[in-house]
């Protein structure tokens, strides 16, 4: 589940937070953004289990990797036992 996904002018980056409703170690979260003219950007990081969920933490993609326009995308979680994907709401990059 994506908890926030937005352009952050202060950091000049798209910042996305997400979690999975299972508690486990060994998973990875991948943020994929899709923009104008077929442009794309991707970042991955290990997920971390807490008391009740597995968190993807804060994932970010810097402005220098993003062309101006409308971007959308997804967060995908994969572990040896679980996988899932959540779509992002479209956002405008200035």
C-alpha atoms as a PDB file:
ATOM      1  CA  UNK A   1       0.000   0.000   0.000  1.00  0.00           C
ATOM      2  CA  UNK A   2       1.311   3.436  -0.969  1.00  0.00           C
ATOM      3  CA  UNK A   3       0.977   5.918   1.893  1.00  0.00           C
ATOM      4  CA  UNK A   4       2.266   8.973   0.027  1.00  0.00           C
ATOM      5  CA  UNK A   5       3.549   9.779  -3.443  1.00  0.00           C
ATOM      6  CA  UNK A   6       4.267  13.333  -4.466  1.00  0.00           C
ATOM      7  CA  UNK A   7       6.636  15.859  -5.955  1.00  0.00           C
ATOM      8  CA  UNK A   8       8.561  17.589  -3.167  1.00  0.00           C
ATOM      9  CA  UNK A   9       9.833  21.043  -4.198  1.00  0.00           C
ATOM     10  CA  UNK A  10      12.034  21.290  -1.087  1.00  0.00           C
ATOM     11  CA  UNK A  11      14.095  18.240  -2.041  1.00  0.00           C
ATOM     12  CA  UNK A  12      13.500  18.526  -5.814  1.00  0.00           C
ATOM     13  CA  UNK A  13      12.462  14.887  -5.964  1.00  0.00           C
ATOM     14  CA  UNK A  14       9.498  12.559  -6.227  1.00  0.00           C
ATOM     15  CA  UNK A  15       9.151  10.934  -2.809  1.00  0.00           C
ATOM     16  CA  UNK A  16       7.121   7.770  -2.234  1.00  0.00           C
ATOM     17  CA  UNK A  17       6.389   5.860   0.979  1.00  0.00           C
ATOM     18  CA  UNK A  18       4.815   2.402   0.985  1.00  0.00           C
ATOM     19  CA  UNK A  19       4.368  -0.724   3.080  1.00  0.00           C
ATOM     20  CA  UNK A  20       3.198  -4.324   2.781  1.00  0.00           C
ATOM     21  CA  UNK A  21       0.693  -5.940   5.167  1.00  0.00           C
ATOM     22  CA  UNK A  22       3.000  -8.811   6.116  1.00  0.00           C
ATOM     23  CA  UNK A  23       5.897  -8.999   8.565  1.00  0.00           C
ATOM     24  CA  UNK A  24       8.980 -10.563   6.977  1.00  0.00           C
ATOM     25  CA  UNK A  25      12.622  -9.965   6.179  1.00  0.00           C
ATOM     26  CA  UNK A  26      14.355 -10.363   2.842  1.00  0.00           C
ATOM     27  CA  UNK A  27      12.027  -8.351   0.600  1.00  0.00           C
ATOM     28  CA  UNK A  28      12.830  -5.568  -1.828  1.00  0.00           C
ATOM     29  CA  UNK A  29      10.784  -2.556  -2.908  1.00  0.00           C
ATOM     30  CA  UNK A  30      11.109  -1.078  -6.391  1.00  0.00           C
ATOM     31  CA  UNK A  31       9.707   2.299  -7.392  1.00  0.00           C
ATOM     32  CA  UNK A  32       9.185   2.650 -11.139  1.00  0.00           C
ATOM     33  CA  UNK A  33       8.123   5.995 -12.615  1.00  0.00           C
ATOM     34  CA  UNK A  34       6.796   6.445 -16.156  1.00  0.00           C
ATOM     35  CA  UNK A  35       6.710   9.856 -17.776  1.00  0.00           C
ATOM     36  CA  UNK A  36       6.344  11.808 -21.001  1.00  0.00           C
ATOM     37  CA  UNK A  37       7.598  10.302 -24.234  1.00  0.00           C
ATOM     38  CA  UNK A  38       8.244   6.894 -22.708  1.00  0.00           C
ATOM     39  CA  UNK A  39      10.719   8.219 -20.134  1.00  0.00           C
ATOM     40  CA  UNK A  40      11.220   6.084 -17.049  1.00  0.00           C
ATOM     41  CA  UNK A  41      13.150   6.086 -13.791  1.00  0.00           C
ATOM     42  CA  UNK A  42      13.578   3.339 -11.221  1.00  0.00           C
ATOM     43  CA  UNK A  43      15.021   2.872  -7.752  1.00  0.00           C
ATOM     44  CA  UNK A  44      15.072  -0.140  -5.425  1.00  0.00           C
ATOM     45  CA  UNK A  45      15.860  -0.673  -1.765  1.00  0.00           C
ATOM     46  CA  UNK A  46      15.536  -3.392   0.866  1.00  0.00           C
ATOM     47  CA  UNK A  47      12.270  -3.504   2.813  1.00  0.00           C
ATOM     48  CA  UNK A  48      12.373  -3.530   6.615  1.00  0.00           C
ATOM     49  CA  UNK A  49       9.976  -5.431   8.876  1.00  0.00           C
ATOM     50  CA  UNK A  50       8.491  -3.672  11.887  1.00  0.00           C
ATOM     51  CA  UNK A  51       5.932  -4.832  14.473  1.00  0.00           C
ATOM     52  CA  UNK A  52       2.954  -5.130  12.117  1.00  0.00           C
ATOM     53  CA  UNK A  53       4.063  -4.457   8.514  1.00  0.00           C
ATOM     54  CA  UNK A  54       7.045  -4.498   6.195  1.00  0.00           C
ATOM     55  CA  UNK A  55       8.049  -0.975   5.225  1.00  0.00           C
ATOM     56  CA  UNK A  56       9.524   0.192   1.953  1.00  0.00           C
ATOM     57  CA  UNK A  57      10.603   3.369   3.737  1.00  0.00           C
ATOM     58  CA  UNK A  58      11.019   6.586   1.776  1.00  0.00           C
ATOM     59  CA  UNK A  59      12.013   6.090  -1.846  1.00  0.00           C
ATOM     60  CA  UNK A  60      12.990   9.079  -3.952  1.00  0.00           C
ATOM     61  CA  UNK A  61      13.917   9.941  -7.518  1.00  0.00           C
ATOM     62  CA  UNK A  62      15.764  13.226  -8.057  1.00  0.00           C
ATOM     63  CA  UNK A  63      14.567  15.939 -10.438  1.00  0.00           C
ATOM     64  CA  UNK A  64      17.576  15.500 -12.730  1.00  0.00           C
ATOM     65  CA  UNK A  65      16.196  12.062 -13.686  1.00  0.00           C
ATOM     66  CA  UNK A  66      12.686  13.380 -14.477  1.00  0.00           C
ATOM     67  CA  UNK A  67      11.492  15.405 -17.457  1.00  0.00           C
ATOM     68  CA  UNK A  68       8.746  17.975 -16.862  1.00  0.00           C
ATOM     69  CA  UNK A  69       5.212  16.660 -17.339  1.00  0.00           C
ATOM     70  CA  UNK A  70       2.825  14.064 -15.961  1.00  0.00           C
ATOM     71  CA  UNK A  71       4.360  11.000 -14.322  1.00  0.00           C
ATOM     72  CA  UNK A  72       2.782   7.868 -12.928  1.00  0.00           C
ATOM     73  CA  UNK A  73       4.148   4.494 -11.957  1.00  0.00           C
ATOM     74  CA  UNK A  74       4.125   1.811  -9.297  1.00  0.00           C
ATOM     75  CA  UNK A  75       5.755   0.370  -6.213  1.00  0.00           C
ATOM     76  CA  UNK A  76       6.485  -3.351  -6.414  1.00  0.00           C
ATOM     77  CA  UNK A  77       7.404  -5.537  -3.450  1.00  0.00           C
ATOM     78  CA  UNK A  78       9.077  -8.921  -3.941  1.00  0.00           C
ATOM     79  CA  UNK A  79      10.348 -11.429  -1.365  1.00  0.00           C
ATOM     80  CA  UNK A  80      10.915 -15.191  -1.492  1.00  0.00           C
ATOM     81  CA  UNK A  81       7.304 -15.732  -0.310  1.00  0.00           C
ATOM     82  CA  UNK A  82       5.312 -12.582  -1.157  1.00  0.00           C
ATOM     83  CA  UNK A  83       4.890 -10.162  -4.042  1.00  0.00           C
ATOM     84  CA  UNK A  84       2.585  -7.285  -4.818  1.00  0.00           C
ATOM     85  CA  UNK A  85       2.289  -4.041  -6.711  1.00  0.00           C
ATOM     86  CA  UNK A  86       0.486  -0.749  -6.113  1.00  0.00           C
ATOM     87  CA  UNK A  87      -0.086   1.928  -8.751  1.00  0.00           C
ATOM     88  CA  UNK A  88       0.653   5.589  -8.096  1.00  0.00           C
ATOM     89  CA  UNK A  89      -1.704   8.481  -8.715  1.00  0.00           C
ATOM     90  CA  UNK A  90      -0.413  10.651 -11.599  1.00  0.00           C
ATOM     91  CA  UNK A  91       1.653  13.663 -10.525  1.00  0.00           C
ATOM     92  CA  UNK A  92       2.977  16.749 -12.280  1.00  0.00           C
ATOM     93  CA  UNK A  93       6.711  17.384 -12.380  1.00  0.00           C
ATOM     94  CA  UNK A  94       7.518  21.063 -13.028  1.00  0.00           C
END
